[in-house]
PDB file of N, CA and C in Angstrom:
ATOM      1  N   MET A   1      -7.710   0.388  -0.955  1.00  0.00           N
ATOM      2  CA  MET A   1      -9.053  -0.540  -1.915  1.00  0.00           C
ATOM      3  C   MET A   1      -9.611   0.839  -1.706  1.00  0.00           C
ATOM      4  N   ALA A   2     -10.073   1.392  -2.923  1.00  0.00           N
ATOM      5  CA  ALA A   2     -11.112   2.763  -2.921  1.00  0.00           C
ATOM      6  C   ALA A   2     -12.741   1.769  -2.935  1.00  0.00           C
ATOM      7  N   VAL A   3     -13.491   2.510  -1.930  1.00  0.00           N
ATOM      8  CA  VAL A   3     -14.757   2.181  -1.284  1.00  0.00           C
ATOM      9  C   VAL A   3     -15.765   3.073  -2.506  1.00  0.00           C
ATOM     10  N   GLU A   4     -16.632   2.324  -2.696  1.00  0.00           N
ATOM     11  CA  GLU A   4     -17.367   3.011  -3.526  1.00  0.00           C
ATOM     12  C   GLU A   4     -18.670   3.756  -2.900  1.00  0.00           C
ATOM     13  N   PHE A   5     -19.285   4.993  -3.594  1.00  0.00           N
ATOM     14  CA  PHE A   5     -20.589   5.568  -2.750  1.00  0.00           C
ATOM     15  C   PHE A   5     -20.918   6.150  -3.874  1.00  0.00           C
ATOM     16  N   CYS A   6     -22.034   6.049  -3.853  1.00  0.00           N
ATOM     17  CA  CYS A   6     -23.704   7.012  -4.355  1.00  0.00           C
ATOM     18  C   CYS A   6     -22.838   8.242  -5.015  1.00  0.00           C
ATOM     19  N   SER A   7     -23.113   9.222  -5.330  1.00  0.00           N
ATOM     20  CA  SER A   7     -23.356  10.416  -5.772  1.00  0.00           C
ATOM     21  C   SER A   7     -24.094  11.226  -4.710  1.00  0.00           C
ATOM     22  N   HIS A   8     -24.849  10.787  -4.230  1.00  0.00           N
ATOM     23  CA  HIS A   8     -25.814  11.242  -3.126  1.00  0.00           C
ATOM     24  C   HIS A   8     -25.331  11.920  -1.906  1.00  0.00           C
ATOM     25  N   LEU A   9     -24.217  11.059  -1.502  1.00  0.00           N
ATOM     26  CA  LEU A   9     -23.297  10.909  -0.523  1.00  0.00           C
ATOM     27  C   LEU A   9     -21.944  11.460  -0.286  1.00  0.00           C
ATOM     28  N   ALA A  10     -21.750  12.347  -1.467  1.00  0.00           N
ATOM     29  CA  ALA A  10     -20.225  12.429  -1.678  1.00  0.00           C
ATOM     30  C   ALA A  10     -19.439  13.407  -0.554  1.00  0.00           C
ATOM     31  N   SER A  11     -20.446  13.935   0.357  1.00  0.00           N
ATOM     32  CA  SER A  11     -19.799  14.311   1.994  1.00  0.00           C
ATOM     33  C   SER A  11     -19.638  13.485   2.388  1.00  0.00           C
ATOM     34  N   TYR A  12     -20.353  12.322   2.641  1.00  0.00           N
ATOM     35  CA  TYR A  12     -20.164  11.516   3.805  1.00  0.00           C
ATOM     36  C   TYR A  12     -18.789  10.811   3.221  1.00  0.00           C
ATOM     37  N   SER A  13     -18.953  10.329   1.509  1.00  0.00           N
ATOM     38  CA  SER A  13     -17.429   9.801   1.568  1.00  0.00           C
ATOM     39  C   SER A  13     -16.253  10.183   1.272  1.00  0.00           C
ATOM     40  N   HIS A  14     -16.296  11.425   1.665  1.00  0.00           N
ATOM     41  CA  HIS A  14     -14.855  12.435   1.546  1.00  0.00           C
ATOM     42  C   HIS A  14     -14.400  11.991   3.251  1.00  0.00           C
ATOM     43  N   GLN A  15     -15.881  12.274   4.162  1.00  0.00           N
ATOM     44  CA  GLN A  15     -15.172  11.831   5.287  1.00  0.00           C
ATOM     45  C   GLN A  15     -14.331  10.177   5.755  1.00  0.00           C
ATOM     46  N   TYR A  16     -15.219   9.771   5.017  1.00  0.00           N
ATOM     47  CA  TYR A  16     -15.208   8.015   5.669  1.00  0.00           C
ATOM     48  C   TYR A  16     -13.148   8.102   4.587  1.00  0.00           C
ATOM     49  N   GLU A  17     -13.259   8.781   3.308  1.00  0.00           N
ATOM     50  CA  GLU A  17     -11.608   8.484   3.337  1.00  0.00           C
ATOM     51  C   GLU A  17     -10.877   9.180   3.761  1.00  0.00           C
ATOM     52  N   SER A  18     -11.180   9.897   4.800  1.00  0.00           N
ATOM     53  CA  SER A  18     -10.156  10.964   5.763  1.00  0.00           C
ATOM     54  C   SER A  18     -10.270   9.860   6.997  1.00  0.00           C
ATOM     55  N   ALA A  19     -11.243   9.682   7.436  1.00  0.00           N
ATOM     56  CA  ALA A  19     -10.968   8.308   8.898  1.00  0.00           C
ATOM     57  C   ALA A  19     -10.249   7.245   8.119  1.00  0.00           C
ATOM     58  N   THR A  20     -10.673   6.528   6.702  1.00  0.00           N
ATOM     59  CA  THR A  20      -9.631   5.254   6.668  1.00  0.00           C
ATOM     60  C   THR A  20      -8.423   5.915   6.410  1.00  0.00           C
ATOM     61  N   VAL A  21      -7.718   7.035   5.813  1.00  0.00           N
ATOM     62  CA  VAL A  21      -6.515   7.353   5.717  1.00  0.00           C
ATOM     63  C   VAL A  21      -5.276   6.994   7.408  1.00  0.00           C
ATOM     64  N   ALA A  22      -6.518   7.975   8.622  1.00  0.00           N
ATOM     65  CA  ALA A  22      -6.383   8.115   9.596  1.00  0.00           C
ATOM     66  C   ALA A  22      -5.922   6.475  10.443  1.00  0.00           C
ATOM     67  N   TYR A  23      -6.785   5.682  10.043  1.00  0.00           N
ATOM     68  CA  TYR A  23      -6.586   4.576  10.044  1.00  0.00           C
ATOM     69  C   TYR A  23      -5.419   3.755   9.995  1.00  0.00           C
ATOM     70  N   GLU A  24      -5.204   3.811   8.621  1.00  0.00           N
ATOM     71  CA  GLU A  24      -3.984   3.447   8.142  1.00  0.00           C
ATOM     72  C   GLU A  24      -2.729   3.921   8.296  1.00  0.00           C
ATOM     73  N   ASP A  25      -2.645   5.327   8.940  1.00  0.00           N
ATOM     74  CA  ASP A  25      -1.436   6.046   9.262  1.00  0.00           C
ATOM     75  C   ASP A  25      -1.138   5.037  10.931  1.00  0.00           C
ATOM     76  N   CYS A  26      -2.267   5.020  11.248  1.00  0.00           N
ATOM     77  CA  CYS A  26      -2.334   4.884  12.565  1.00  0.00           C
ATOM     78  C   CYS A  26      -1.641   2.893  12.549  1.00  0.00           C
ATOM     79  N   LEU A  27      -2.217   1.769  11.880  1.00  0.00           N
ATOM     80  CA  LEU A  27      -1.815   0.999  11.226  1.00  0.00           C
ATOM     81  C   LEU A  27      -0.078   0.472  11.079  1.00  0.00           C
ATOM     82  N   THR A  28       0.245   2.068  10.372  1.00  0.00           N
ATOM     83  CA  THR A  28       1.620   2.218   9.711  1.00  0.00           C
ATOM     84  C   THR A  28       2.408   2.343  10.950  1.00  0.00           C
ATOM     85  N   LEU A  29       2.423   2.893  12.094  1.00  0.00           N
ATOM     86  CA  LEU A  29       3.279   3.393  12.998  1.00  0.00           C
ATOM     87  C   LEU A  29       3.244   2.212  14.271  1.00  0.00           C
ATOM     88  N   MET A  30       1.752   2.108  13.993  1.00  0.00           N
ATOM     89  CA  MET A  30       1.859   0.324  15.084  1.00  0.00           C
ATOM     90  C   MET A  30       3.004  -0.536  14.815  1.00  0.00           C
ATOM     91  N   ASP A  31       2.474  -0.931  13.642  1.00  0.00           N
ATOM     92  CA  ASP A  31       4.117  -1.819  13.504  1.00  0.00           C
ATOM     93  C   ASP A  31       5.532  -1.447  13.379  1.00  0.00           C
ATOM     94  N   ARG A  32       5.400   0.360  13.355  1.00  0.00           N
ATOM     95  CA  ARG A  32       6.685   0.484  13.535  1.00  0.00           C
ATOM     96  C   ARG A  32       7.033   0.155  14.784  1.00  0.00           C
ATOM     97  N   VAL A  33       6.217   0.652  16.172  1.00  0.00           N
ATOM     98  CA  VAL A  33       6.403   0.691  16.934  1.00  0.00           C
ATOM     99  C   VAL A  33       6.594  -0.861  17.480  1.00  0.00           C
ATOM    100  N   LEU A  34       5.879  -1.765  16.746  1.00  0.00           N
ATOM    101  CA  LEU A  34       6.173  -3.195  17.504  1.00  0.00           C
ATOM    102  C   LEU A  34       7.448  -3.932  17.110  1.00  0.00           C
ATOM    103  N   THR A  35       7.910  -3.381  15.905  1.00  0.00           N
ATOM    104  CA  THR A  35       8.986  -3.673  15.110  1.00  0.00           C
ATOM    105  C   THR A  35      10.369  -3.121  15.938  1.00  0.00           C
ATOM    106  N   THR A  36      10.162  -1.860  16.029  1.00  0.00           N
ATOM    107  CA  THR A  36      11.748  -1.324  16.455  1.00  0.00           C
ATOM    108  C   THR A  36      11.570  -0.457  17.253  1.00  0.00           C
ATOM    109  N   GLY A  37      10.468  -0.840  18.508  1.00  0.00           N
ATOM    110  CA  GLY A  37      10.131  -0.270  20.141  1.00  0.00           C
ATOM    111  C   GLY A  37       9.433   0.823  20.062  1.00  0.00           C
ATOM    112  N   ALA A  38       9.442   0.972  21.272  1.00  0.00           N
ATOM    113  CA  ALA A  38       8.619   1.937  21.685  1.00  0.00           C
ATOM    114  C   ALA A  38       9.872   3.435  21.865  1.00  0.00           C
ATOM    115  N   GLU A  39       9.923   4.069  20.918  1.00  0.00           N
ATOM    116  CA  GLU A  39      10.891   5.458  21.163  1.00  0.00           C
ATOM    117  C   GLU A  39      10.198   6.024  21.568  1.00  0.00           C
ATOM    118  N   ASN A  40      10.562   7.434  22.116  1.00  0.00           N
ATOM    119  CA  ASN A  40       9.828   8.398  22.625  1.00  0.00           C
ATOM    120  C   ASN A  40       9.295   9.501  21.220  1.00  0.00           C
ATOM    121  N   ASP A  41       9.844   9.831  20.519  1.00  0.00           N
ATOM    122  CA  ASP A  41       9.375  10.199  19.073  1.00  0.00           C
ATOM    123  C   ASP A  41       8.188   9.515  18.185  1.00  0.00           C
ATOM    124  N   LEU A  42       8.372   8.275  18.377  1.00  0.00           N
ATOM    125  CA  LEU A  42       8.015   7.342  17.812  1.00  0.00           C
ATOM    126  C   LEU A  42       6.203   7.092  18.483  1.00  0.00           C
ATOM    127  N   VAL A  43       6.084   7.090  19.892  1.00  0.00           N
ATOM    128  CA  VAL A  43       5.016   7.140  20.698  1.00  0.00           C
ATOM    129  C   VAL A  43       4.367   8.230  20.462  1.00  0.00           C
ATOM    130  N   THR A  44       4.846   9.710  20.463  1.00  0.00           N
ATOM    131  CA  THR A  44       4.394  10.373  20.692  1.00  0.00           C
ATOM    132  C   THR A  44       3.724  10.999  19.193  1.00  0.00           C
ATOM    133  N   GLN A  45       4.005  10.212  18.135  1.00  0.00           N
ATOM    134  CA  GLN A  45       3.370  10.429  16.655  1.00  0.00           C
ATOM    135  C   GLN A  45       2.575   9.697  16.778  1.00  0.00           C
ATOM    136  N   LEU A  46       2.276   8.431  17.420  1.00  0.00           N
ATOM    137  CA  LEU A  46       1.630   7.356  17.359  1.00  0.00           C
ATOM    138  C   LEU A  46       0.321   7.892  17.895  1.00  0.00           C
ATOM    139  N   GLN A  47       0.630   8.397  19.201  1.00  0.00           N
ATOM    140  CA  GLN A  47      -0.223   9.182  19.536  1.00  0.00           C
ATOM    141  C   GLN A  47      -1.187  10.379  18.930  1.00  0.00           C
ATOM    142  N   ASP A  48      -0.370  11.093  18.472  1.00  0.00           N
ATOM    143  CA  ASP A  48      -0.870  12.088  17.556  1.00  0.00           C
ATOM    144  C   ASP A  48      -2.205  11.635  16.562  1.00  0.00           C
ATOM    145  N   THR A  49      -1.623  10.326  16.099  1.00  0.00           N
ATOM    146  CA  THR A  49      -2.192   9.547  14.937  1.00  0.00           C
ATOM    147  C   THR A  49      -3.376   8.792  15.662  1.00  0.00           C
ATOM    148  N   LEU A  50      -3.516   8.684  16.364  1.00  0.00           N
ATOM    149  CA  LEU A  50      -4.233   7.992  16.988  1.00  0.00           C
ATOM    150  C   LEU A  50      -5.275   8.896  17.358  1.00  0.00           C
ATOM    151  N   ASN A  51      -5.273   9.806  18.014  1.00  0.00           N
ATOM    152  CA  ASN A  51      -6.075  11.330  18.608  1.00  0.00           C
ATOM    153  C   ASN A  51      -6.432  11.712  16.622  1.00  0.00           C
ATOM    154  N   ARG A  52      -5.760  11.600  16.070  1.00  0.00           N
ATOM    155  CA  ARG A  52      -6.282  11.974  14.096  1.00  0.00           C
ATOM    156  C   ARG A  52      -7.427  11.288  14.246  1.00  0.00           C
ATOM    157  N   TRP A  53      -7.336  10.156  14.435  1.00  0.00           N
ATOM    158  CA  TRP A  53      -8.076   9.212  13.787  1.00  0.00           C
ATOM    159  C   TRP A  53      -9.193   8.576  14.640  1.00  0.00           C
ATOM    160  N   GLU A  54      -9.075   8.851  16.042  1.00  0.00           N
ATOM    161  CA  GLU A  54     -10.414   9.031  16.980  1.00  0.00           C
ATOM    162  C   GLU A  54     -11.180  10.220  16.015  1.00  0.00           C
ATOM    163  N   TRP A  55     -10.700  11.334  15.972  1.00  0.00           N
ATOM    164  CA  TRP A  55     -11.052  12.406  15.695  1.00  0.00           C
ATOM    165  C   TRP A  55     -11.891  12.232  14.248  1.00  0.00           C
ATOM    166  N   GLN A  56     -11.035  11.536  13.312  1.00  0.00           N
ATOM    167  CA  GLN A  56     -12.055  11.465  12.002  1.00  0.00           C
ATOM    168  C   GLN A  56     -13.162  10.629  12.255  1.00  0.00           C
ATOM    169  N   THR A  57     -12.994   9.630  12.899  1.00  0.00           N
ATOM    170  CA  THR A  57     -13.959   9.005  13.085  1.00  0.00           C
ATOM    171  C   THR A  57     -15.030   8.946  14.060  1.00  0.00           C
ATOM    172  N   ARG A  58     -14.986  10.099  15.010  1.00  0.00           N
ATOM    173  CA  ARG A  58     -16.042  10.612  15.403  1.00  0.00           C
ATOM    174  C   ARG A  58     -16.890  11.656  14.336  1.00  0.00           C
ATOM    175  N   GLU A  59     -16.296  12.433  13.722  1.00  0.00           N
ATOM    176  CA  GLU A  59     -16.385  13.463  12.718  1.00  0.00           C
ATOM    177  C   GLU A  59     -17.634  12.546  11.660  1.00  0.00           C
ATOM    178  N   LEU A  60     -16.752  11.177  11.307  1.00  0.00           N
ATOM    179  CA  LEU A  60     -17.598  10.065   9.998  1.00  0.00           C
ATOM    180  C   LEU A  60     -18.840  10.164  11.243  1.00  0.00           C
ATOM    181  N   ARG A  61     -18.561   9.410  12.546  1.00  0.00           N
ATOM    182  CA  ARG A  61     -20.381   8.899  12.844  1.00  0.00           C
ATOM    183  C   ARG A  61     -21.755  10.237  13.010  1.00  0.00           C
ATOM    184  N   GLN A  62     -20.732  11.474  13.380  1.00  0.00           N
ATOM    185  CA  GLN A  62     -21.474  12.583  13.802  1.00  0.00           C
ATOM    186  C   GLN A  62     -22.209  12.401  11.869  1.00  0.00           C
ATOM    187  N   LYS A  63     -21.638  12.899  11.012  1.00  0.00           N
ATOM    188  CA  LYS A  63     -22.016  13.065  10.011  1.00  0.00           C
ATOM    189  C   LYS A  63     -23.162  12.157   9.516  1.00  0.00           C
ATOM    190  N   PHE A  64     -23.048  10.696   9.997  1.00  0.00           N
ATOM    191  CA  PHE A  64     -24.185   9.735   9.728  1.00  0.00           C
ATOM    192  C   PHE A  64     -25.144   9.750   9.804  1.00  0.00           C
ATOM    193  N   LYS A  65     -24.577  10.541  11.411  1.00  0.00           N
ATOM    194  CA  LYS A  65     -26.138  10.431  12.478  1.00  0.00           C
ATOM    195  C   LYS A  65     -26.814  11.694  11.518  1.00  0.00           C
ATOM    196  N   ARG A  66     -26.541  12.794  11.327  1.00  0.00           N
ATOM    197  CA  ARG A  66     -27.190  13.776  10.693  1.00  0.00           C
ATOM    198  C   ARG A  66     -27.975  13.059   9.435  1.00  0.00           C
ATOM    199  N   LEU A  67     -27.176  12.632   8.673  1.00  0.00           N
ATOM    200  CA  LEU A  67     -27.691  12.088   7.462  1.00  0.00           C
ATOM    201  C   LEU A  67     -28.663  10.972   7.548  1.00  0.00           C
ATOM    202  N   ASN A  68     -28.536  10.270   8.042  1.00  0.00           N
ATOM    203  CA  ASN A  68     -30.112   9.705   9.230  1.00  0.00           C
ATOM    204  C   ASN A  68     -31.051  10.448   9.576  1.00  0.00           C
ATOM    205  N   GLU A  69     -30.689  11.210  10.381  1.00  0.00           N
ATOM    206  CA  GLU A  69     -31.904  12.207  10.660  1.00  0.00           C
ATOM    207  C   GLU A  69     -32.065  12.753  10.299  1.00  0.00           C
ATOM    208  N   ARG A  70     -31.840  13.541   8.473  1.00  0.00           N
ATOM    209  CA  ARG A  70     -32.250  13.666   7.676  1.00  0.00           C
ATOM    210  C   ARG A  70     -33.045  13.236   6.722  1.00  0.00           C
ATOM    211  N   GLY A  71     -33.129  12.227   7.091  1.00  0.00           N
ATOM    212  CA  GLY A  71     -33.805  11.176   5.872  1.00  0.00           C
ATOM    213  C   GLY A  71     -32.775  10.293   5.019  1.00  0.00           C
ATOM    214  N   GLU A  72     -31.097  10.924   4.847  1.00  0.00           N
ATOM    215  CA  GLU A  72     -31.223  10.961   3.796  1.00  0.00           C
ATOM    216  C   GLU A  72     -30.009   9.431   3.643  1.00  0.00           C
ATOM    217  N   ILE A  73     -29.564   8.872   4.555  1.00  0.00           N
ATOM    218  CA  ILE A  73     -29.498   7.542   5.087  1.00  0.00           C
ATOM    219  C   ILE A  73     -30.318   6.398   6.060  1.00  0.00           C
ATOM    220  N   LEU A  74     -30.906   5.947   5.044  1.00  0.00           N
ATOM    221  CA  LEU A  74     -31.687   4.509   6.017  1.00  0.00           C
ATOM    222  C   LEU A  74     -30.928   3.491   6.629  1.00  0.00           C
ATOM    223  N   LEU A  75     -31.267   3.298   7.532  1.00  0.00           N
ATOM    224  CA  LEU A  75     -31.183   2.391   8.955  1.00  0.00           C
ATOM    225  C   LEU A  75     -31.922   0.895   8.020  1.00  0.00           C
ATOM    226  N   PRO A  76     -31.155  -0.427   8.207  1.00  0.00           N
ATOM    227  CA  PRO A  76     -32.254  -1.551   8.160  1.00  0.00           C
ATOM    228  C   PRO A  76     -33.285  -1.676   9.167  1.00  0.00           C
ATOM    229  N   GLN A  77     -34.077  -2.238   8.714  1.00  0.00           N
ATOM    230  CA  GLN A  77     -35.421  -2.172   9.579  1.00  0.00           C
ATOM    231  C   GLN A  77     -36.227  -3.613   9.189  1.00  0.00           C
ATOM    232  N   ASP A  78     -36.471  -4.278  10.432  1.00  0.00           N
ATOM    233  CA  ASP A  78     -37.384  -5.397  10.463  1.00  0.00           C
ATOM    234  C   ASP A  78     -36.596  -6.864   9.663  1.00  0.00           C
ATOM    235  N   GLY A  79     -35.337  -6.932   9.850  1.00  0.00           N
ATOM    236  CA  GLY A  79     -34.668  -8.094   9.124  1.00  0.00           C
ATOM    237  C   GLY A  79     -34.425  -7.582   7.334  1.00  0.00           C
ATOM    238  N   GLN A  80     -34.752  -6.222   6.902  1.00  0.00           N
ATOM    239  CA  GLN A  80     -34.374  -6.242   5.566  1.00  0.00           C
ATOM    240  C   GLN A  80     -32.518  -5.963   5.811  1.00  0.00           C
ATOM    241  N   ASN A  81     -31.807  -5.179   4.747  1.00  0.00           N
ATOM    242  CA  ASN A  81     -30.601  -5.511   4.202  1.00  0.00           C
ATOM    243  C   ASN A  81     -29.805  -5.174   5.956  1.00  0.00           C
ATOM    244  N   THR A  82     -28.657  -5.749   6.241  1.00  0.00           N
ATOM    245  CA  THR A  82     -27.941  -5.810   7.155  1.00  0.00           C
ATOM    246  C   THR A  82     -27.152  -4.084   7.086  1.00  0.00           C
ATOM    247  N   GLN A  83     -27.117  -3.564   5.561  1.00  0.00           N
ATOM    248  CA  GLN A  83     -25.954  -2.007   6.067  1.00  0.00           C
ATOM    249  C   GLN A  83     -27.249  -1.136   5.435  1.00  0.00           C
ATOM    250  N   PRO A  84     -26.990   0.194   6.324  1.00  0.00           N
ATOM    251  CA  PRO A  84     -27.304   1.305   5.758  1.00  0.00           C
ATOM    252  C   PRO A  84     -27.588   1.274   4.531  1.00  0.00           C
ATOM    253  N   VAL A  85     -28.471   1.930   3.783  1.00  0.00           N
ATOM    254  CA  VAL A  85     -28.786   2.384   2.260  1.00  0.00           C
ATOM    255  C   VAL A  85     -28.701   3.821   2.256  1.00  0.00           C
ATOM    256  N   CYS A  86     -28.473   4.183   1.284  1.00  0.00           N
ATOM    257  CA  CYS A  86     -28.872   5.588   0.503  1.00  0.00           C
ATOM    258  C   CYS A  86     -30.348   5.560   0.425  1.00  0.00           C
ATOM    259  N   ALA A  87     -30.735   6.907   1.166  1.00  0.00           N
ATOM    260  CA  ALA A  87     -32.387   7.007   0.823  1.00  0.00           C
ATOM    261  C   ALA A  87     -32.953   7.371  -0.741  1.00  0.00           C
ATOM    262  N   HIS A  88     -31.784   7.813  -1.316  1.00  0.00           N
ATOM    263  CA  HIS A  88     -32.737   8.504  -2.677  1.00  0.00           C
ATOM    264  C   HIS A  88     -31.875   7.412  -3.339  1.00  0.00           C
ATOM    265  N   CYS A  89     -31.130   6.480  -3.620  1.00  0.00           N
ATOM    266  CA  CYS A  89     -30.885   5.211  -4.484  1.00  0.00           C
ATOM    267  C   CYS A  89     -30.851   3.999  -4.240  1.00  0.00           C
ATOM    268  N   GLY A  90     -30.961   3.525  -2.905  1.00  0.00           N
ATOM    269  CA  GLY A  90     -31.008   2.685  -2.268  1.00  0.00           C
ATOM    270  C   GLY A  90     -29.208   1.778  -2.504  1.00  0.00           C
ATOM    271  N   ALA A  91     -28.103   2.586  -2.509  1.00  0.00           N
ATOM    272  CA  ALA A  91     -26.992   1.817  -2.954  1.00  0.00           C
ATOM    273  C   ALA A  91     -26.740   1.530  -1.259  1.00  0.00           C
ATOM    274  N   GLU A  92     -25.771   0.195  -0.784  1.00  0.00           N
ATOM    275  CA  GLU A  92     -25.518   0.155   0.441  1.00  0.00           C
ATOM    276  C   GLU A  92     -24.329   1.671   0.939  1.00  0.00           C
ATOM    277  N   VAL A  93     -24.625   1.961   1.892  1.00  0.00           N
ATOM    278  CA  VAL A  93     -23.423   2.714   2.645  1.00  0.00           C
ATOM    279  C   VAL A  93     -22.336   1.878   3.575  1.00  0.00           C
ATOM    280  N   PRO A  94     -21.237   1.908   2.913  1.00  0.00           N
ATOM    281  CA  PRO A  94     -19.921   1.118   3.486  1.00  0.00           C
ATOM    282  C   PRO A  94     -20.205   1.559   5.055  1.00  0.00           C
ATOM    283  N   ARG A  95     -19.481   0.279   5.372  1.00  0.00           N
ATOM    284  CA  ARG A  95     -19.175   1.046   6.997  1.00  0.00           C
ATOM    285  C   ARG A  95     -17.322   0.639   7.369  1.00  0.00           C
ATOM    286  N   LEU A  96     -17.128   1.250   8.377  1.00  0.00           N
ATOM    287  CA  LEU A  96     -15.653   1.141   8.724  1.00  0.00           C
ATOM    288  C   LEU A  96     -15.121   0.022   9.402  1.00  0.00           C
ATOM    289  N   GLU A  97     -14.301  -0.470   8.740  1.00  0.00           N
ATOM    290  CA  GLU A  97     -13.807  -1.780   9.751  1.00  0.00           C
ATOM    291  C   GLU A  97     -12.387  -1.742  10.143  1.00  0.00           C
ATOM    292  N   PHE A  98     -12.910  -2.400  11.823  1.00  0.00           N
ATOM    293  CA  PHE A  98     -11.065  -1.825  12.171  1.00  0.00           C
ATOM    294  C   PHE A  98     -10.781  -3.473  12.403  1.00  0.00           C
ATOM    295  N   SER A  99     -10.223  -4.154  11.589  1.00  0.00           N
ATOM    296  CA  SER A  99     -10.368  -5.618  12.087  1.00  0.00           C
ATOM    297  C   SER A  99      -8.835  -6.271  12.544  1.00  0.00           C
ATOM    298  N   GLU A 100      -7.727  -5.559  12.254  1.00  0.00           N
ATOM    299  CA  GLU A 100      -6.689  -5.188  12.899  1.00  0.00           C
ATOM    300  C   GLU A 100      -6.341  -5.407  14.433  1.00  0.00           C
ATOM    301  N   PHE A 101      -7.670  -4.761  15.010  1.00  0.00           N
ATOM    302  CA  PHE A 101      -7.692  -4.525  16.353  1.00  0.00           C
ATOM    303  C   PHE A 101      -8.923  -5.541  17.478  1.00  0.00           C
ATOM    304  N   GLN A 102      -8.428  -5.711  18.321  1.00  0.00           N
ATOM    305  CA  GLN A 102      -9.524  -6.450  18.780  1.00  0.00           C
ATOM    306  C   GLN A 102      -9.683  -5.774  20.366  1.00  0.00           C
ATOM    307  N   PHE A 103     -10.644  -5.551  21.243  1.00  0.00           N
ATOM    308  CA  PHE A 103     -10.414  -4.658  22.301  1.00  0.00           C
ATOM    309  C   PHE A 103     -11.962  -6.373  22.871  1.00  0.00           C
ATOM    310  N   LEU A 104     -10.647  -6.779  24.074  1.00  0.00           N
ATOM    311  CA  LEU A 104     -11.443  -7.703  24.585  1.00  0.00           C
ATOM    312  C   LEU A 104     -12.158  -7.302  25.976  1.00  0.00           C
ATOM    313  N   GLU A 105     -12.630  -7.899  26.894  1.00  0.00           N
ATOM    314  CA  GLU A 105     -14.001  -7.425  28.016  1.00  0.00           C
ATOM    315  C   GLU A 105     -12.904  -6.896  29.002  1.00  0.00           C
ATOM    316  N   ASP A 106     -11.770  -7.439  29.399  1.00  0.00           N
ATOM    317  CA  ASP A 106     -10.836  -6.825  30.178  1.00  0.00           C
ATOM    318  C   ASP A 106     -10.351  -4.991  30.220  1.00  0.00           C
ATOM    319  N   GLY A 107     -10.662  -5.179  28.922  1.00  0.00           N
ATOM    320  CA  GLY A 107      -9.726  -3.785  28.388  1.00  0.00           C
ATOM    321  C   GLY A 107      -8.779  -3.851  27.798  1.00  0.00           C
ATOM    322  N   SER A 108      -8.109  -4.866  27.652  1.00  0.00           N
ATOM    323  CA  SER A 108      -6.739  -4.900  27.054  1.00  0.00           C
ATOM    324  C   SER A 108      -7.033  -4.809  25.411  1.00  0.00           C
ATOM    325  N   VAL A 109      -6.617  -5.090  24.334  1.00  0.00           N
ATOM    326  CA  VAL A 109      -6.160  -4.468  23.546  1.00  0.00           C
ATOM    327  C   VAL A 109      -5.234  -5.516  22.221  1.00  0.00           C
ATOM    328  N   LEU A 110      -5.991  -6.162  21.184  1.00  0.00           N
ATOM    329  CA  LEU A 110      -5.082  -7.114  20.078  1.00  0.00           C
ATOM    330  C   LEU A 110      -4.948  -6.075  19.413  1.00  0.00           C
ATOM    331  N   PHE A 111      -3.374  -5.893  18.804  1.00  0.00           N
ATOM    332  CA  PHE A 111      -3.394  -5.748  17.300  1.00  0.00           C
ATOM    333  C   PHE A 111      -2.757  -6.878  16.307  1.00  0.00           C
ATOM    334  N   ARG A 112      -3.159  -7.113  15.419  1.00  0.00           N
ATOM    335  CA  ARG A 112      -3.179  -8.348  14.725  1.00  0.00           C
ATOM    336  C   ARG A 112      -2.740  -9.387  15.263  1.00  0.00           C
ATOM    337  N   ASP A 113      -3.763  -9.693  16.594  1.00  0.00           N
ATOM    338  CA  ASP A 113      -3.364 -11.211  17.513  1.00  0.00           C
ATOM    339  C   ASP A 113      -1.988 -10.483  17.914  1.00  0.00           C
ATOM    340  N   GLN A 114      -1.997  -9.391  18.543  1.00  0.00           N
ATOM    341  CA  GLN A 114      -0.609  -9.425  19.428  1.00  0.00           C
ATOM    342  C   GLN A 114      -1.063  -8.237  20.746  1.00  0.00           C
ATOM    343  N   LEU A 115      -1.010  -8.927  21.778  1.00  0.00           N
ATOM    344  CA  LEU A 115      -1.562  -8.081  23.024  1.00  0.00           C
ATOM    345  C   LEU A 115      -0.418  -6.680  23.179  1.00  0.00           C
ATOM    346  N   ILE A 116      -1.626  -5.497  23.083  1.00  0.00           N
ATOM    347  CA  ILE A 116      -0.776  -4.388  23.572  1.00  0.00           C
ATOM    348  C   ILE A 116      -0.842  -3.836  24.875  1.00  0.00           C
ATOM    349  N   LYS A 117       0.266  -4.166  25.261  1.00  0.00           N
ATOM    350  CA  LYS A 117       0.452  -3.467  26.560  1.00  0.00           C
ATOM    351  C   LYS A 117       0.709  -1.981  26.921  1.00  0.00           C
ATOM    352  N   ALA A 118      -0.246  -0.969  27.850  1.00  0.00           N
ATOM    353  CA  ALA A 118       0.032   0.155  28.037  1.00  0.00           C
ATOM    354  C   ALA A 118       0.718   0.262  29.393  1.00  0.00           C
ATOM    355  N   PRO A 119       1.657   1.644  29.515  1.00  0.00           N
ATOM    356  CA  PRO A 119       2.106   1.581  30.757  1.00  0.00           C
ATOM    357  C   PRO A 119       0.850   1.639  32.140  1.00  0.00           C
ATOM    358  N   GLU A 120       1.242   0.856  33.609  1.00  0.00           N
ATOM    359  CA  GLU A 120       0.627   1.089  34.036  1.00  0.00           C
ATOM    360  C   GLU A 120      -0.358   2.599  34.588  1.00  0.00           C
ATOM    361  N   SER A 121       0.383   3.533  34.420  1.00  0.00           N
ATOM    362  CA  SER A 121       0.079   4.816  34.766  1.00  0.00           C
ATOM    363  C   SER A 121      -1.685   5.311  33.712  1.00  0.00           C
ATOM    364  N   GLU A 122      -1.059   4.405  32.788  1.00  0.00           N
ATOM    365  CA  GLU A 122      -1.820   4.640  31.632  1.00  0.00           C
ATOM    366  C   GLU A 122      -3.059   4.153  31.735  1.00  0.00           C
ATOM    367  N   LEU A 123      -2.862   2.852  32.292  1.00  0.00           N
ATOM    368  CA  LEU A 123      -4.534   2.480  32.769  1.00  0.00           C
ATOM    369  C   LEU A 123      -5.381   2.542  33.742  1.00  0.00           C
ATOM    370  N   VAL A 124      -5.243   3.558  34.754  1.00  0.00           N
ATOM    371  CA  VAL A 124      -5.335   3.556  36.043  1.00  0.00           C
ATOM    372  C   VAL A 124      -6.351   4.810  35.737  1.00  0.00           C
TER     373      VAL A 124
END
């Protein structure tokens, strides 16, 4: 589903879309790994996709921060909106949601309510 952005935040919307596509690619590969098993090629492909997702979301956060610092995105203050808004037109700035993943206090990760186990060597 496409997310609507105002025209003032066009560059941010492009980065948002890139991060969304990277996340959807991760979901597809996670489903394949859970369905078919952790074959070496698939795990490598998943790791590459996770790295791309991480990079895209980091870029999105940095772009958001720069736009906020320049006064183009306003953060909620004093109980006003719960969403950041465009300073030019007041349109809400959508946030990415990663609802398929849950990160637990003990460092475990759930993917669609299924515990994801990492090899011991990756937990150290």
